[in-house]
Amino acid sequence: MSGIDDLKNTAEGLAGGAKESIGNATGDESLANEGRADQVKSEAKGKISELKDKATDKANEVLGNLKKD
């Protein structure tokens, strides 16, 4: 994920936390649930990004080793 995408993802998670808090404070269960969903989505995107980065690093390592041979 690019730096901008990481920032957007972090903002989405923070906004989700705010929605959840406001929903809980006002008794708006729908808003609280939407906030929790936003946070889960943000966390999932972060994990996917980490896996993608690790796969890219591993692929580059393998390609580098092949070029040495």
PDB file of N, CA and C in Angstrom:
ATOM      1  N   MET A   1       0.852  -1.166   0.000  1.00  0.00           N
ATOM      2  CA  MET A   1       0.000   0.000   0.000  1.00  0.00           C
ATOM      3  C   MET A   1       0.898   1.228   0.000  1.00  0.00           C
ATOM      4  N   SER A   2       0.508   2.224  -0.731  1.00  0.00           N
ATOM      5  CA  SER A   2       1.306   3.444  -0.755  1.00  0.00           C
ATOM      6  C   SER A   2       1.087   4.230   0.534  1.00  0.00           C
ATOM      7  N   GLY A   3       1.920   5.210   0.750  1.00  0.00           N
ATOM      8  CA  GLY A   3       1.801   6.037   1.944  1.00  0.00           C
ATOM      9  C   GLY A   3       0.454   6.721   2.041  1.00  0.00           C
ATOM     10  N   ILE A   4      -0.054   7.191   0.918  1.00  0.00           N
ATOM     11  CA  ILE A   4      -1.365   7.862   0.909  1.00  0.00           C
ATOM     12  C   ILE A   4      -2.463   6.860   1.245  1.00  0.00           C
ATOM     13  N   ASP A   5      -2.369   5.664   0.687  1.00  0.00           N
ATOM     14  CA  ASP A   5      -3.365   4.633   0.993  1.00  0.00           C
ATOM     15  C   ASP A   5      -3.318   4.264   2.472  1.00  0.00           C
ATOM     16  N   ASP A   6      -2.113   4.195   3.034  1.00  0.00           N
ATOM     17  CA  ASP A   6      -1.979   3.903   4.466  1.00  0.00           C
ATOM     18  C   ASP A   6      -2.654   4.987   5.300  1.00  0.00           C
ATOM     19  N   LEU A   7      -2.462   6.238   4.905  1.00  0.00           N
ATOM     20  CA  LEU A   7      -3.095   7.343   5.632  1.00  0.00           C
ATOM     21  C   LEU A   7      -4.614   7.283   5.523  1.00  0.00           C
ATOM     22  N   LYS A   8      -5.108   6.992   4.328  1.00  0.00           N
ATOM     23  CA  LYS A   8      -6.560   6.873   4.144  1.00  0.00           C
ATOM     24  C   LYS A   8      -7.113   5.742   4.998  1.00  0.00           C
ATOM     25  N   ASN A   9      -6.401   4.639   5.037  1.00  0.00           N
ATOM     26  CA  ASN A   9      -6.824   3.486   5.819  1.00  0.00           C
ATOM     27  C   ASN A   9      -6.845   3.824   7.311  1.00  0.00           C
ATOM     28  N   THR A  10      -5.818   4.515   7.781  1.00  0.00           N
ATOM     29  CA  THR A  10      -5.766   4.929   9.182  1.00  0.00           C
ATOM     30  C   THR A  10      -6.911   5.881   9.499  1.00  0.00           C
ATOM     31  N   ALA A  11      -7.165   6.817   8.593  1.00  0.00           N
ATOM     32  CA  ALA A  11      -8.266   7.761   8.791  1.00  0.00           C
ATOM     33  C   ALA A  11      -9.604   7.029   8.851  1.00  0.00           C
ATOM     34  N   GLU A  12      -9.766   6.013   8.009  1.00  0.00           N
ATOM     35  CA  GLU A  12     -11.005   5.234   8.014  1.00  0.00           C
ATOM     36  C   GLU A  12     -11.192   4.535   9.366  1.00  0.00           C
ATOM     37  N   GLY A  13     -10.111   3.989   9.902  1.00  0.00           N
ATOM     38  CA  GLY A  13     -10.186   3.331  11.207  1.00  0.00           C
ATOM     39  C   GLY A  13     -10.517   4.309  12.322  1.00  0.00           C
ATOM     40  N   LEU A  14      -9.895   5.484  12.280  1.00  0.00           N
ATOM     41  CA  LEU A  14     -10.174   6.503  13.294  1.00  0.00           C
ATOM     42  C   LEU A  14     -11.607   7.009  13.196  1.00  0.00           C
ATOM     43  N   ALA A  15     -12.076   7.220  11.981  1.00  0.00           N
ATOM     44  CA  ALA A  15     -13.461   7.657  11.784  1.00  0.00           C
ATOM     45  C   ALA A  15     -14.423   6.590  12.288  1.00  0.00           C
ATOM     46  N   GLY A  16     -14.078   5.343  12.058  1.00  0.00           N
ATOM     47  CA  GLY A  16     -14.907   4.248  12.554  1.00  0.00           C
ATOM     48  C   GLY A  16     -14.989   4.250  14.066  1.00  0.00           C
ATOM     49  N   GLY A  17     -13.864   4.511  14.711  1.00  0.00           N
ATOM     50  CA  GLY A  17     -13.851   4.593  16.172  1.00  0.00           C
ATOM     51  C   GLY A  17     -14.718   5.732  16.676  1.00  0.00           C
ATOM     52  N   ALA A  18     -14.650   6.860  15.969  1.00  0.00           N
ATOM     53  CA  ALA A  18     -15.480   8.004  16.350  1.00  0.00           C
ATOM     54  C   ALA A  18     -16.963   7.684  16.168  1.00  0.00           C
ATOM     55  N   LYS A  19     -17.303   7.059  15.043  1.00  0.00           N
ATOM     56  CA  LYS A  19     -18.702   6.678  14.805  1.00  0.00           C
ATOM     57  C   LYS A  19     -19.201   5.742  15.903  1.00  0.00           C
ATOM     58  N   GLU A  20     -18.368   4.776  16.246  1.00  0.00           N
ATOM     59  CA  GLU A  20     -18.767   3.821  17.282  1.00  0.00           C
ATOM     60  C   GLU A  20     -18.995   4.537  18.610  1.00  0.00           C
ATOM     61  N   SER A  21     -18.087   5.428  18.973  1.00  0.00           N
ATOM     62  CA  SER A  21     -18.213   6.160  20.236  1.00  0.00           C
ATOM     63  C   SER A  21     -19.460   7.035  20.260  1.00  0.00           C
ATOM     64  N   ILE A  22     -19.688   7.746  19.176  1.00  0.00           N
ATOM     65  CA  ILE A  22     -20.871   8.608  19.095  1.00  0.00           C
ATOM     66  C   ILE A  22     -22.137   7.764  19.137  1.00  0.00           C
ATOM     67  N   GLY A  23     -22.126   6.665  18.397  1.00  0.00           N
ATOM     68  CA  GLY A  23     -23.283   5.777  18.403  1.00  0.00           C
ATOM     69  C   GLY A  23     -23.570   5.228  19.784  1.00  0.00           C
ATOM     70  N   ASN A  24     -22.524   4.825  20.496  1.00  0.00           N
ATOM     71  CA  ASN A  24     -22.701   4.316  21.860  1.00  0.00           C
ATOM     72  C   ASN A  24     -23.206   5.406  22.798  1.00  0.00           C
ATOM     73  N   ALA A  25     -22.660   6.616  22.649  1.00  0.00           N
ATOM     74  CA  ALA A  25     -23.040   7.719  23.534  1.00  0.00           C
ATOM     75  C   ALA A  25     -24.481   8.172  23.315  1.00  0.00           C
ATOM     76  N   THR A  26     -24.933   8.080  22.074  1.00  0.00           N
ATOM     77  CA  THR A  26     -26.286   8.555  21.757  1.00  0.00           C
ATOM     78  C   THR A  26     -27.313   7.433  21.713  1.00  0.00           C
ATOM     79  N   GLY A  27     -26.858   6.216  21.882  1.00  0.00           N
ATOM     80  CA  GLY A  27     -27.782   5.085  21.820  1.00  0.00           C
ATOM     81  C   GLY A  27     -28.149   4.685  20.401  1.00  0.00           C
ATOM     82  N   ASP A  28     -27.379   5.178  19.426  1.00  0.00           N
ATOM     83  CA  ASP A  28     -27.629   4.850  18.019  1.00  0.00           C
ATOM     84  C   ASP A  28     -26.841   3.584  17.677  1.00  0.00           C
ATOM     85  N   GLU A  29     -27.485   2.452  17.850  1.00  0.00           N
ATOM     86  CA  GLU A  29     -26.819   1.164  17.647  1.00  0.00           C
ATOM     87  C   GLU A  29     -26.353   0.987  16.202  1.00  0.00           C
ATOM     88  N   SER A  30     -27.119   1.509  15.264  1.00  0.00           N
ATOM     89  CA  SER A  30     -26.760   1.401  13.848  1.00  0.00           C
ATOM     90  C   SER A  30     -25.439   2.126  13.565  1.00  0.00           C
ATOM     91  N   LEU A  31     -25.301   3.330  14.111  1.00  0.00           N
ATOM     92  CA  LEU A  31     -24.069   4.102  13.912  1.00  0.00           C
ATOM     93  C   LEU A  31     -22.889   3.410  14.596  1.00  0.00           C
ATOM     94  N   ALA A  32     -23.119   2.879  15.787  1.00  0.00           N
ATOM     95  CA  ALA A  32     -22.053   2.161  16.496  1.00  0.00           C
ATOM     96  C   ALA A  32     -21.607   0.943  15.692  1.00  0.00           C
ATOM     97  N   ASN A  33     -22.556   0.213  15.145  1.00  0.00           N
ATOM     98  CA  ASN A  33     -22.221  -0.963  14.331  1.00  0.00           C
ATOM     99  C   ASN A  33     -21.474  -0.568  13.065  1.00  0.00           C
ATOM    100  N   GLU A  34     -21.895   0.526  12.451  1.00  0.00           N
ATOM    101  CA  GLU A  34     -21.212   1.016  11.248  1.00  0.00           C
ATOM    102  C   GLU A  34     -19.768   1.382  11.585  1.00  0.00           C
ATOM    103  N   GLY A  35     -19.567   2.004  12.727  1.00  0.00           N
ATOM    104  CA  GLY A  35     -18.217   2.362  13.164  1.00  0.00           C
ATOM    105  C   GLY A  35     -17.348   1.139  13.392  1.00  0.00           C
ATOM    106  N   ARG A  36     -17.919   0.117  14.038  1.00  0.00           N
ATOM    107  CA  ARG A  36     -17.160  -1.120  14.252  1.00  0.00           C
ATOM    108  C   ARG A  36     -16.799  -1.763  12.917  1.00  0.00           C
ATOM    109  N   ALA A  37     -17.748  -1.744  11.981  1.00  0.00           N
ATOM    110  CA  ALA A  37     -17.488  -2.321  10.655  1.00  0.00           C
ATOM    111  C   ALA A  37     -16.362  -1.567   9.947  1.00  0.00           C
ATOM    112  N   ASP A  38     -16.372  -0.244  10.051  1.00  0.00           N
ATOM    113  CA  ASP A  38     -15.304   0.559   9.436  1.00  0.00           C
ATOM    114  C   ASP A  38     -13.945   0.203  10.034  1.00  0.00           C
ATOM    115  N   GLN A  39     -13.908  -0.009  11.338  1.00  0.00           N
ATOM    116  CA  GLN A  39     -12.654  -0.360  11.998  1.00  0.00           C
ATOM    117  C   GLN A  39     -12.158  -1.736  11.556  1.00  0.00           C
ATOM    118  N   VAL A  40     -13.065  -2.685  11.450  1.00  0.00           N
ATOM    119  CA  VAL A  40     -12.686  -4.034  11.011  1.00  0.00           C
ATOM    120  C   VAL A  40     -12.166  -3.988   9.578  1.00  0.00           C
ATOM    121  N   LYS A  41     -12.859  -3.223   8.736  1.00  0.00           N
ATOM    122  CA  LYS A  41     -12.431  -3.092   7.338  1.00  0.00           C
ATOM    123  C   LYS A  41     -11.040  -2.459   7.262  1.00  0.00           C
ATOM    124  N   SER A  42     -10.802  -1.443   8.058  1.00  0.00           N
ATOM    125  CA  SER A  42      -9.504  -0.783   8.079  1.00  0.00           C
ATOM    126  C   SER A  42      -8.410  -1.743   8.539  1.00  0.00           C
ATOM    127  N   GLU A  43      -8.709  -2.521   9.572  1.00  0.00           N
ATOM    128  CA  GLU A  43      -7.731  -3.491  10.078  1.00  0.00           C
ATOM    129  C   GLU A  43      -7.435  -4.563   9.031  1.00  0.00           C
ATOM    130  N   ALA A  44      -8.466  -5.029   8.343  1.00  0.00           N
ATOM    131  CA  ALA A  44      -8.278  -6.052   7.307  1.00  0.00           C
ATOM    132  C   ALA A  44      -7.421  -5.509   6.167  1.00  0.00           C
ATOM    133  N   LYS A  45      -7.684  -4.273   5.760  1.00  0.00           N
ATOM    134  CA  LYS A  45      -6.878  -3.664   4.699  1.00  0.00           C
ATOM    135  C   LYS A  45      -5.415  -3.574   5.121  1.00  0.00           C
ATOM    136  N   GLY A  46      -5.185  -3.241   6.379  1.00  0.00           N
ATOM    137  CA  GLY A  46      -3.818  -3.157   6.883  1.00  0.00           C
ATOM    138  C   GLY A  46      -3.117  -4.502   6.839  1.00  0.00           C
ATOM    139  N   LYS A  47      -3.818  -5.563   7.243  1.00  0.00           N
ATOM    140  CA  LYS A  47      -3.232  -6.912   7.222  1.00  0.00           C
ATOM    141  C   LYS A  47      -2.946  -7.353   5.789  1.00  0.00           C
ATOM    142  N   ILE A  48      -3.875  -7.068   4.883  1.00  0.00           N
ATOM    143  CA  ILE A  48      -3.677  -7.420   3.474  1.00  0.00           C
ATOM    144  C   ILE A  48      -2.463  -6.679   2.921  1.00  0.00           C
ATOM    145  N   SER A  49      -2.331  -5.423   3.282  1.00  0.00           N
ATOM    146  CA  SER A  49      -1.191  -4.630   2.828  1.00  0.00           C
ATOM    147  C   SER A  49       0.125  -5.219   3.334  1.00  0.00           C
ATOM    148  N   GLU A  50       0.143  -5.636   4.601  1.00  0.00           N
ATOM    149  CA  GLU A  50       1.349  -6.251   5.161  1.00  0.00           C
ATOM    150  C   GLU A  50       1.705  -7.532   4.416  1.00  0.00           C
ATOM    151  N   LEU A  51       0.712  -8.372   4.159  1.00  0.00           N
ATOM    152  CA  LEU A  51       0.960  -9.623   3.433  1.00  0.00           C
ATOM    153  C   LEU A  51       1.464  -9.355   2.022  1.00  0.00           C
ATOM    154  N   LYS A  52       0.875  -8.356   1.378  1.00  0.00           N
ATOM    155  CA  LYS A  52       1.282  -7.988   0.023  1.00  0.00           C
ATOM    156  C   LYS A  52       2.742  -7.526   0.017  1.00  0.00           C
ATOM    157  N   ASP A  53       3.103  -6.713   1.001  1.00  0.00           N
ATOM    158  CA  ASP A  53       4.484  -6.234   1.098  1.00  0.00           C
ATOM    159  C   ASP A  53       5.456  -7.388   1.330  1.00  0.00           C
ATOM    160  N   LYS A  54       5.078  -8.332   2.207  1.00  0.00           N
ATOM    161  CA  LYS A  54       5.938  -9.484   2.475  1.00  0.00           C
ATOM    162  C   LYS A  54       6.095 -10.352   1.232  1.00  0.00           C
ATOM    163  N   ALA A  55       5.005 -10.550   0.491  1.00  0.00           N
ATOM    164  CA  ALA A  55       5.069 -11.357  -0.727  1.00  0.00           C
ATOM    165  C   ALA A  55       5.955 -10.679  -1.769  1.00  0.00           C
ATOM    166  N   THR A  56       5.839  -9.369  -1.888  1.00  0.00           N
ATOM    167  CA  THR A  56       6.664  -8.624  -2.833  1.00  0.00           C
ATOM    168  C   THR A  56       8.137  -8.727  -2.450  1.00  0.00           C
ATOM    169  N   ASP A  57       8.423  -8.569  -1.162  1.00  0.00           N
ATOM    170  CA  ASP A  57       9.809  -8.687  -0.694  1.00  0.00           C
ATOM    171  C   ASP A  57      10.377 -10.072  -0.989  1.00  0.00           C
ATOM    172  N   LYS A  58       9.585 -11.104  -0.732  1.00  0.00           N
ATOM    173  CA  LYS A  58      10.037 -12.478  -0.961  1.00  0.00           C
ATOM    174  C   LYS A  58      10.266 -12.715  -2.456  1.00  0.00           C
ATOM    175  N   ALA A  59       9.357 -12.226  -3.294  1.00  0.00           N
ATOM    176  CA  ALA A  59       9.511 -12.390  -4.739  1.00  0.00           C
ATOM    177  C   ALA A  59      10.775 -11.688  -5.224  1.00  0.00           C
ATOM    178  N   ASN A  60      11.027 -10.495  -4.714  1.00  0.00           N
ATOM    179  CA  ASN A  60      12.244  -9.773  -5.096  1.00  0.00           C
ATOM    180  C   ASN A  60      13.496 -10.510  -4.634  1.00  0.00           C
ATOM    181  N   GLU A  61      13.417 -11.122  -3.457  1.00  0.00           N
ATOM    182  CA  GLU A  61      14.545 -11.906  -2.947  1.00  0.00           C
ATOM    183  C   GLU A  61      14.818 -13.104  -3.854  1.00  0.00           C
ATOM    184  N   VAL A  62      13.772 -13.807  -4.243  1.00  0.00           N
ATOM    185  CA  VAL A  62      13.921 -14.974  -5.119  1.00  0.00           C
ATOM    186  C   VAL A  62      14.478 -14.549  -6.471  1.00  0.00           C
ATOM    187  N   LEU A  63      13.931 -13.473  -7.032  1.00  0.00           N
ATOM    188  CA  LEU A  63      14.427 -12.992  -8.326  1.00  0.00           C
ATOM    189  C   LEU A  63      15.887 -12.563  -8.228  1.00  0.00           C
ATOM    190  N   GLY A  64      16.238 -11.932  -7.119  1.00  0.00           N
ATOM    191  CA  GLY A  64      17.632 -11.533  -6.919  1.00  0.00           C
ATOM    192  C   GLY A  64      18.557 -12.731  -6.863  1.00  0.00           C
ATOM    193  N   ASN A  65      18.118 -13.781  -6.202  1.00  0.00           N
ATOM    194  CA  ASN A  65      18.927 -15.005  -6.122  1.00  0.00           C
ATOM    195  C   ASN A  65      19.050 -15.669  -7.484  1.00  0.00           C
ATOM    196  N   LEU A  66      18.001 -15.631  -8.287  1.00  0.00           N
ATOM    197  CA  LEU A  66      18.053 -16.227  -9.625  1.00  0.00           C
ATOM    198  C   LEU A  66      19.027 -15.476 -10.525  1.00  0.00           C
ATOM    199  N   LYS A  67      19.083 -14.157 -10.372  1.00  0.00           N
ATOM    200  CA  LYS A  67      19.979 -13.355 -11.199  1.00  0.00           C
ATOM    201  C   LYS A  67      21.441 -13.603 -10.842  1.00  0.00           C
ATOM    202  N   LYS A  68      21.703 -13.994  -9.596  1.00  0.00           N
ATOM    203  CA  LYS A  68      23.078 -14.258  -9.162  1.00  0.00           C
ATOM    204  C   LYS A  68      23.622 -15.531  -9.790  1.00  0.00           C
ATOM    205  N   ASP A  69      22.724 -16.478 -10.086  1.00  0.00           N
ATOM    206  CA  ASP A  69      23.153 -17.784 -10.629  1.00  0.00           C
ATOM    207  C   ASP A  69      23.562 -17.715 -12.060  1.00  0.00           C
TER     208      ASP A  69
END
